[in-house]
């Protein structure tokens, strides 16, 4: 039962994470992780440099990592 609760909380956390991202970063994140496009494909579709895509991905990944770390820290203190 606890596993299902944690799974649901993680889903909500992920949805909040996506909503907090700036639109352009969210679009890049979704294209890469949910649509499974490469940074080259994303850069071609959006008309931006591949380096910009990579930088935006790294920033989003760091934000997600920090959010998950705070969640897990809170979870472990309960």
PDB file of N, CA and C in Angstrom:
ATOM      1  N   UNK A   1       0.828  -1.199   0.000  1.00  0.00           N
ATOM      2  CA  UNK A   1       0.000   0.000   0.000  1.00  0.00           C
ATOM      3  C   UNK A   1       0.866   1.254   0.000  1.00  0.00           C
ATOM      4  N   UNK A   2       1.921   1.249   0.820  1.00  0.00           N
ATOM      5  CA  UNK A   2       2.803   2.415   0.869  1.00  0.00           C
ATOM      6  C   UNK A   2       3.479   2.667  -0.469  1.00  0.00           C
ATOM      7  N   UNK A   3       3.822   1.591  -1.165  1.00  0.00           N
ATOM      8  CA  UNK A   3       4.467   1.727  -2.465  1.00  0.00           C
ATOM      9  C   UNK A   3       3.585   2.452  -3.458  1.00  0.00           C
ATOM     10  N   UNK A   4       2.310   2.152  -3.445  1.00  0.00           N
ATOM     11  CA  UNK A   4       1.364   2.805  -4.365  1.00  0.00           C
ATOM     12  C   UNK A   4       1.216   4.285  -4.020  1.00  0.00           C
ATOM     13  N   UNK A   5       1.193   4.594  -2.734  1.00  0.00           N
ATOM     14  CA  UNK A   5       1.101   5.993  -2.302  1.00  0.00           C
ATOM     15  C   UNK A   5       2.324   6.768  -2.764  1.00  0.00           C
ATOM     16  N   UNK A   6       3.498   6.186  -2.572  1.00  0.00           N
ATOM     17  CA  UNK A   6       4.738   6.842  -2.980  1.00  0.00           C
ATOM     18  C   UNK A   6       4.767   7.005  -4.494  1.00  0.00           C
ATOM     19  N   UNK A   7       4.326   5.990  -5.214  1.00  0.00           N
ATOM     20  CA  UNK A   7       4.275   6.074  -6.679  1.00  0.00           C
ATOM     21  C   UNK A   7       3.371   7.220  -7.124  1.00  0.00           C
ATOM     22  N   UNK A   8       2.218   7.340  -6.494  1.00  0.00           N
ATOM     23  CA  UNK A   8       1.292   8.430  -6.831  1.00  0.00           C
ATOM     24  C   UNK A   8       1.896   9.793  -6.512  1.00  0.00           C
ATOM     25  N   UNK A   9       2.569   9.897  -5.370  1.00  0.00           N
ATOM     26  CA  UNK A   9       3.209  11.160  -4.991  1.00  0.00           C
ATOM     27  C   UNK A   9       4.322  11.530  -5.962  1.00  0.00           C
ATOM     28  N   UNK A  10       5.075  10.536  -6.412  1.00  0.00           N
ATOM     29  CA  UNK A  10       6.129  10.794  -7.394  1.00  0.00           C
ATOM     30  C   UNK A  10       5.531  11.270  -8.718  1.00  0.00           C
ATOM     31  N   UNK A  11       4.403  10.698  -9.112  1.00  0.00           N
ATOM     32  CA  UNK A  11       3.735  11.117 -10.340  1.00  0.00           C
ATOM     33  C   UNK A  11       3.296  12.577 -10.244  1.00  0.00           C
ATOM     34  N   UNK A  12       2.714  12.939  -9.116  1.00  0.00           N
ATOM     35  CA  UNK A  12       2.278  14.323  -8.892  1.00  0.00           C
ATOM     36  C   UNK A  12       3.487  15.245  -8.877  1.00  0.00           C
ATOM     37  N   UNK A  13       4.554  14.827  -8.221  1.00  0.00           N
ATOM     38  CA  UNK A  13       5.778  15.618  -8.163  1.00  0.00           C
ATOM     39  C   UNK A  13       6.334  15.852  -9.564  1.00  0.00           C
ATOM     40  N   UNK A  14       6.345  14.816 -10.398  1.00  0.00           N
ATOM     41  CA  UNK A  14       6.853  14.937 -11.758  1.00  0.00           C
ATOM     42  C   UNK A  14       5.984  15.895 -12.577  1.00  0.00           C
ATOM     43  N   UNK A  15       4.675  15.806 -12.426  1.00  0.00           N
ATOM     44  CA  UNK A  15       3.773  16.703 -13.144  1.00  0.00           C
ATOM     45  C   UNK A  15       3.992  18.155 -12.713  1.00  0.00           C
ATOM     46  N   UNK A  16       4.197  18.367 -11.420  1.00  0.00           N
ATOM     47  CA  UNK A  16       4.493  19.717 -10.922  1.00  0.00           C
ATOM     48  C   UNK A  16       5.822  20.210 -11.474  1.00  0.00           C
ATOM     49  N   UNK A  17       6.800  19.321 -11.512  1.00  0.00           N
ATOM     50  CA  UNK A  17       8.112  19.665 -12.065  1.00  0.00           C
ATOM     51  C   UNK A  17       7.965  20.176 -13.491  1.00  0.00           C
ATOM     52  N   UNK A  18       7.217  19.457 -14.311  1.00  0.00           N
ATOM     53  CA  UNK A  18       7.020  19.858 -15.700  1.00  0.00           C
ATOM     54  C   UNK A  18       6.348  21.229 -15.789  1.00  0.00           C
ATOM     55  N   UNK A  19       5.372  21.470 -14.941  1.00  0.00           N
ATOM     56  CA  UNK A  19       4.660  22.744 -14.973  1.00  0.00           C
ATOM     57  C   UNK A  19       5.532  23.914 -14.529  1.00  0.00           C
ATOM     58  N   UNK A  20       6.507  23.638 -13.686  1.00  0.00           N
ATOM     59  CA  UNK A  20       7.390  24.699 -13.192  1.00  0.00           C
ATOM     60  C   UNK A  20       8.482  25.091 -14.180  1.00  0.00           C
ATOM     61  N   UNK A  21       8.742  24.221 -15.143  1.00  0.00           N
ATOM     62  CA  UNK A  21       9.783  24.523 -16.130  1.00  0.00           C
ATOM     63  C   UNK A  21       9.318  25.643 -17.059  1.00  0.00           C
ATOM     64  N   UNK A  22      10.252  26.497 -17.466  1.00  0.00           N
ATOM     65  CA  UNK A  22       9.901  27.457 -18.513  1.00  0.00           C
ATOM     66  C   UNK A  22       9.448  26.693 -19.760  1.00  0.00           C
ATOM     67  N   UNK A  23       8.576  27.282 -20.539  1.00  0.00           N
ATOM     68  CA  UNK A  23       7.965  26.586 -21.672  1.00  0.00           C
ATOM     69  C   UNK A  23       8.987  25.968 -22.623  1.00  0.00           C
ATOM     70  N   UNK A  24      10.012  26.718 -22.977  1.00  0.00           N
ATOM     71  CA  UNK A  24      10.996  26.185 -23.930  1.00  0.00           C
ATOM     72  C   UNK A  24      11.762  25.000 -23.347  1.00  0.00           C
ATOM     73  N   UNK A  25      12.118  25.077 -22.056  1.00  0.00           N
ATOM     74  CA  UNK A  25      12.831  23.968 -21.414  1.00  0.00           C
ATOM     75  C   UNK A  25      11.922  22.759 -21.282  1.00  0.00           C
ATOM     76  N   UNK A  26      10.652  22.998 -20.954  1.00  0.00           N
ATOM     77  CA  UNK A  26       9.684  21.900 -20.837  1.00  0.00           C
ATOM     78  C   UNK A  26       9.531  21.195 -22.181  1.00  0.00           C
ATOM     79  N   UNK A  27       9.429  21.977 -23.255  1.00  0.00           N
ATOM     80  CA  UNK A  27       9.274  21.402 -24.591  1.00  0.00           C
ATOM     81  C   UNK A  27      10.473  20.501 -24.921  1.00  0.00           C
ATOM     82  N   UNK A  28      11.664  20.976 -24.627  1.00  0.00           N
ATOM     83  CA  UNK A  28      12.883  20.198 -24.888  1.00  0.00           C
ATOM     84  C   UNK A  28      12.899  18.936 -24.040  1.00  0.00           C
ATOM     85  N   UNK A  29      12.556  19.062 -22.764  1.00  0.00           N
ATOM     86  CA  UNK A  29      12.546  17.917 -21.860  1.00  0.00           C
ATOM     87  C   UNK A  29      11.564  16.849 -22.338  1.00  0.00           C
ATOM     88  N   UNK A  30      10.369  17.272 -22.699  1.00  0.00           N
ATOM     89  CA  UNK A  30       9.335  16.338 -23.173  1.00  0.00           C
ATOM     90  C   UNK A  30       9.772  15.678 -24.478  1.00  0.00           C
ATOM     91  N   UNK A  31      10.322  16.461 -25.382  1.00  0.00           N
ATOM     92  CA  UNK A  31      10.758  15.897 -26.667  1.00  0.00           C
ATOM     93  C   UNK A  31      11.836  14.840 -26.452  1.00  0.00           C
ATOM     94  N   UNK A  32      12.728  15.091 -25.512  1.00  0.00           N
ATOM     95  CA  UNK A  32      13.829  14.152 -25.296  1.00  0.00           C
ATOM     96  C   UNK A  32      13.378  12.905 -24.529  1.00  0.00           C
ATOM     97  N   UNK A  33      12.718  13.115 -23.380  1.00  0.00           N
ATOM     98  CA  UNK A  33      12.412  11.978 -22.511  1.00  0.00           C
ATOM     99  C   UNK A  33      11.106  11.271 -22.832  1.00  0.00           C
ATOM    100  N   UNK A  34      10.120  11.988 -23.299  1.00  0.00           N
ATOM    101  CA  UNK A  34       8.837  11.340 -23.561  1.00  0.00           C
ATOM    102  C   UNK A  34       8.679  10.953 -25.034  1.00  0.00           C
ATOM    103  N   UNK A  35       9.218  11.779 -25.921  1.00  0.00           N
ATOM    104  CA  UNK A  35       9.146  11.466 -27.354  1.00  0.00           C
ATOM    105  C   UNK A  35      10.403  10.762 -27.844  1.00  0.00           C
ATOM    106  N   UNK A  36      11.406  10.682 -26.967  1.00  0.00           N
ATOM    107  CA  UNK A  36      12.667   9.977 -27.229  1.00  0.00           C
ATOM    108  C   UNK A  36      13.416  10.504 -28.454  1.00  0.00           C
ATOM    109  N   UNK A  37      13.444  11.833 -28.602  1.00  0.00           N
ATOM    110  CA  UNK A  37      14.195  12.448 -29.686  1.00  0.00           C
ATOM    111  C   UNK A  37      15.609  12.769 -29.204  1.00  0.00           C
ATOM    112  N   UNK A  38      16.561  12.723 -30.120  1.00  0.00           N
ATOM    113  CA  UNK A  38      17.942  13.069 -29.786  1.00  0.00           C
ATOM    114  C   UNK A  38      18.076  14.587 -29.722  1.00  0.00           C
ATOM    115  N   UNK A  39      19.184  15.040 -29.143  1.00  0.00           N
ATOM    116  CA  UNK A  39      19.408  16.488 -29.078  1.00  0.00           C
ATOM    117  C   UNK A  39      19.532  17.076 -30.484  1.00  0.00           C
ATOM    118  N   UNK A  40      20.071  16.331 -31.407  1.00  0.00           N
ATOM    119  CA  UNK A  40      20.174  16.786 -32.805  1.00  0.00           C
ATOM    120  C   UNK A  40      18.776  16.945 -33.407  1.00  0.00           C
ATOM    121  N   UNK A  41      17.916  15.955 -33.209  1.00  0.00           N
ATOM    122  CA  UNK A  41      16.550  16.026 -33.747  1.00  0.00           C
ATOM    123  C   UNK A  41      15.776  17.196 -33.144  1.00  0.00           C
ATOM    124  N   UNK A  42      15.959  17.405 -31.846  1.00  0.00           N
ATOM    125  CA  UNK A  42      15.274  18.518 -31.172  1.00  0.00           C
ATOM    126  C   UNK A  42      15.777  19.850 -31.717  1.00  0.00           C
ATOM    127  N   UNK A  43      17.076  19.971 -31.853  1.00  0.00           N
ATOM    128  CA  UNK A  43      17.631  21.232 -32.359  1.00  0.00           C
ATOM    129  C   UNK A  43      17.146  21.516 -33.775  1.00  0.00           C
ATOM    130  N   UNK A  44      17.059  20.491 -34.588  1.00  0.00           N
ATOM    131  CA  UNK A  44      16.554  20.663 -35.955  1.00  0.00           C
ATOM    132  C   UNK A  44      15.081  21.086 -35.955  1.00  0.00           C
ATOM    133  N   UNK A  45      14.270  20.439 -35.114  1.00  0.00           N
ATOM    134  CA  UNK A  45      12.834  20.746 -35.071  1.00  0.00           C
ATOM    135  C   UNK A  45      12.565  22.149 -34.529  1.00  0.00           C
ATOM    136  N   UNK A  46      13.359  22.573 -33.538  1.00  0.00           N
ATOM    137  CA  UNK A  46      13.113  23.859 -32.899  1.00  0.00           C
ATOM    138  C   UNK A  46      13.927  25.005 -33.513  1.00  0.00           C
ATOM    139  N   UNK A  47      14.855  24.665 -34.375  1.00  0.00           N
ATOM    140  CA  UNK A  47      15.670  25.693 -35.010  1.00  0.00           C
ATOM    141  C   UNK A  47      16.625  26.378 -34.042  1.00  0.00           C
ATOM    142  N   UNK A  48      17.139  25.606 -33.083  1.00  0.00           N
ATOM    143  CA  UNK A  48      18.114  26.131 -32.126  1.00  0.00           C
ATOM    144  C   UNK A  48      19.346  25.234 -32.165  1.00  0.00           C
ATOM    145  N   UNK A  49      20.431  25.712 -31.552  1.00  0.00           N
ATOM    146  CA  UNK A  49      21.658  24.920 -31.604  1.00  0.00           C
ATOM    147  C   UNK A  49      21.552  23.678 -30.724  1.00  0.00           C
ATOM    148  N   UNK A  50      22.306  22.681 -31.096  1.00  0.00           N
ATOM    149  CA  UNK A  50      22.333  21.446 -30.327  1.00  0.00           C
ATOM    150  C   UNK A  50      22.895  21.716 -28.925  1.00  0.00           C
ATOM    151  N   UNK A  51      23.844  22.630 -28.825  1.00  0.00           N
ATOM    152  CA  UNK A  51      24.432  22.990 -27.526  1.00  0.00           C
ATOM    153  C   UNK A  51      23.372  23.603 -26.616  1.00  0.00           C
ATOM    154  N   UNK A  52      22.482  24.424 -27.171  1.00  0.00           N
ATOM    155  CA  UNK A  52      21.396  25.006 -26.380  1.00  0.00           C
ATOM    156  C   UNK A  52      20.489  23.903 -25.852  1.00  0.00           C
ATOM    157  N   UNK A  53      20.167  22.950 -26.698  1.00  0.00           N
ATOM    158  CA  UNK A  53      19.336  21.816 -26.271  1.00  0.00           C
ATOM    159  C   UNK A  53      20.029  21.077 -25.131  1.00  0.00           C
ATOM    160  N   UNK A  54      21.304  20.802 -25.274  1.00  0.00           N
ATOM    161  CA  UNK A  54      22.044  20.074 -24.246  1.00  0.00           C
ATOM    162  C   UNK A  54      22.103  20.862 -22.941  1.00  0.00           C
ATOM    163  N   UNK A  55      22.307  22.179 -23.036  1.00  0.00           N
ATOM    164  CA  UNK A  55      22.344  23.015 -21.832  1.00  0.00           C
ATOM    165  C   UNK A  55      20.986  23.030 -21.131  1.00  0.00           C
ATOM    166  N   UNK A  56      19.921  23.136 -21.891  1.00  0.00           N
ATOM    167  CA  UNK A  56      18.581  23.144 -21.316  1.00  0.00           C
ATOM    168  C   UNK A  56      18.262  21.790 -20.663  1.00  0.00           C
ATOM    169  N   UNK A  57      18.691  20.713 -21.291  1.00  0.00           N
ATOM    170  CA  UNK A  57      18.483  19.380 -20.729  1.00  0.00           C
ATOM    171  C   UNK A  57      19.230  19.232 -19.403  1.00  0.00           C
ATOM    172  N   UNK A  58      20.473  19.672 -19.368  1.00  0.00           N
ATOM    173  CA  UNK A  58      21.284  19.563 -18.156  1.00  0.00           C
ATOM    174  C   UNK A  58      20.649  20.365 -17.023  1.00  0.00           C
ATOM    175  N   UNK A  59      20.149  21.566 -17.332  1.00  0.00           N
ATOM    176  CA  UNK A  59      19.500  22.391 -16.319  1.00  0.00           C
ATOM    177  C   UNK A  59      18.241  21.706 -15.799  1.00  0.00           C
ATOM    178  N   UNK A  60      17.427  21.171 -16.692  1.00  0.00           N
ATOM    179  CA  UNK A  60      16.196  20.478 -16.292  1.00  0.00           C
ATOM    180  C   UNK A  60      16.516  19.240 -15.456  1.00  0.00           C
ATOM    181  N   UNK A  61      17.527  18.497 -15.857  1.00  0.00           N
ATOM    182  CA  UNK A  61      17.917  17.297 -15.111  1.00  0.00           C
ATOM    183  C   UNK A  61      18.356  17.658 -13.699  1.00  0.00           C
ATOM    184  N   UNK A  62      19.119  18.737 -13.569  1.00  0.00           N
ATOM    185  CA  UNK A  62      19.563  19.175 -12.247  1.00  0.00           C
ATOM    186  C   UNK A  62      18.376  19.604 -11.385  1.00  0.00           C
ATOM    187  N   UNK A  63      17.424  20.311 -11.983  1.00  0.00           N
ATOM    188  CA  UNK A  63      16.236  20.722 -11.249  1.00  0.00           C
ATOM    189  C   UNK A  63      15.440  19.505 -10.778  1.00  0.00           C
ATOM    190  N   UNK A  64      15.272  18.525 -11.643  1.00  0.00           N
ATOM    191  CA  UNK A  64      14.537  17.313 -11.280  1.00  0.00           C
ATOM    192  C   UNK A  64      15.272  16.549 -10.184  1.00  0.00           C
ATOM    193  N   UNK A  65      16.571  16.439 -10.312  1.00  0.00           N
ATOM    194  CA  UNK A  65      17.383  15.739  -9.316  1.00  0.00           C
ATOM    195  C   UNK A  65      17.231  16.407  -7.946  1.00  0.00           C
ATOM    196  N   UNK A  66      17.285  17.732  -7.914  1.00  0.00           N
ATOM    197  CA  UNK A  66      17.140  18.461  -6.652  1.00  0.00           C
ATOM    198  C   UNK A  66      15.748  18.269  -6.056  1.00  0.00           C
ATOM    199  N   UNK A  67      14.732  18.306  -6.893  1.00  0.00           N
ATOM    200  CA  UNK A  67      13.361  18.123  -6.421  1.00  0.00           C
ATOM    201  C   UNK A  67      13.181  16.719  -5.837  1.00  0.00           C
ATOM    202  N   UNK A  68      13.722  15.723  -6.528  1.00  0.00           N
ATOM    203  CA  UNK A  68      13.622  14.342  -6.038  1.00  0.00           C
ATOM    204  C   UNK A  68      14.404  14.148  -4.740  1.00  0.00           C
ATOM    205  N   UNK A  69      15.553  14.793  -4.624  1.00  0.00           N
ATOM    206  CA  UNK A  69      16.358  14.685  -3.406  1.00  0.00           C
ATOM    207  C   UNK A  69      15.595  15.262  -2.221  1.00  0.00           C
ATOM    208  N   UNK A  70      14.935  16.397  -2.418  1.00  0.00           N
ATOM    209  CA  UNK A  70      14.140  16.983  -1.337  1.00  0.00           C
ATOM    210  C   UNK A  70      12.976  16.066  -0.964  1.00  0.00           C
ATOM    211  N   UNK A  71      12.328  15.490  -1.979  1.00  0.00           N
ATOM    212  CA  UNK A  71      11.211  14.568  -1.727  1.00  0.00           C
ATOM    213  C   UNK A  71      11.672  13.363  -0.927  1.00  0.00           C
ATOM    214  N   UNK A  72      12.778  12.756  -1.357  1.00  0.00           N
ATOM    215  CA  UNK A  72      13.284  11.559  -0.671  1.00  0.00           C
ATOM    216  C   UNK A  72      13.760  11.877   0.732  1.00  0.00           C
ATOM    217  N   UNK A  73      14.360  13.050   0.906  1.00  0.00           N
ATOM    218  CA  UNK A  73      14.789  13.467   2.231  1.00  0.00           C
ATOM    219  C   UNK A  73      13.593  13.597   3.159  1.00  0.00           C
ATOM    220  N   UNK A  74      12.528  14.190   2.670  1.00  0.00           N
ATOM    221  CA  UNK A  74      11.302  14.326   3.449  1.00  0.00           C
ATOM    222  C   UNK A  74      10.712  12.959   3.755  1.00  0.00           C
ATOM    223  N   UNK A  75      10.715  12.089   2.769  1.00  0.00           N
ATOM    224  CA  UNK A  75      10.154  10.748   2.922  1.00  0.00           C
ATOM    225  C   UNK A  75      10.905   9.964   3.987  1.00  0.00           C
ATOM    226  N   UNK A  76      12.225  10.093   4.005  1.00  0.00           N
ATOM    227  CA  UNK A  76      13.040   9.330   4.951  1.00  0.00           C
ATOM    228  C   UNK A  76      12.899   9.826   6.390  1.00  0.00           C
ATOM    229  N   UNK A  77      12.452  11.065   6.551  1.00  0.00           N
ATOM    230  CA  UNK A  77      12.298  11.595   7.903  1.00  0.00           C
ATOM    231  C   UNK A  77      10.953  11.227   8.511  1.00  0.00           C
ATOM    232  N   UNK A  78      10.059  10.661   7.708  1.00  0.00           N
ATOM    233  CA  UNK A  78       8.729  10.292   8.227  1.00  0.00           C
ATOM    234  C   UNK A  78       8.754   9.000   8.994  1.00  0.00           C
TER     235      UNK A  78
END
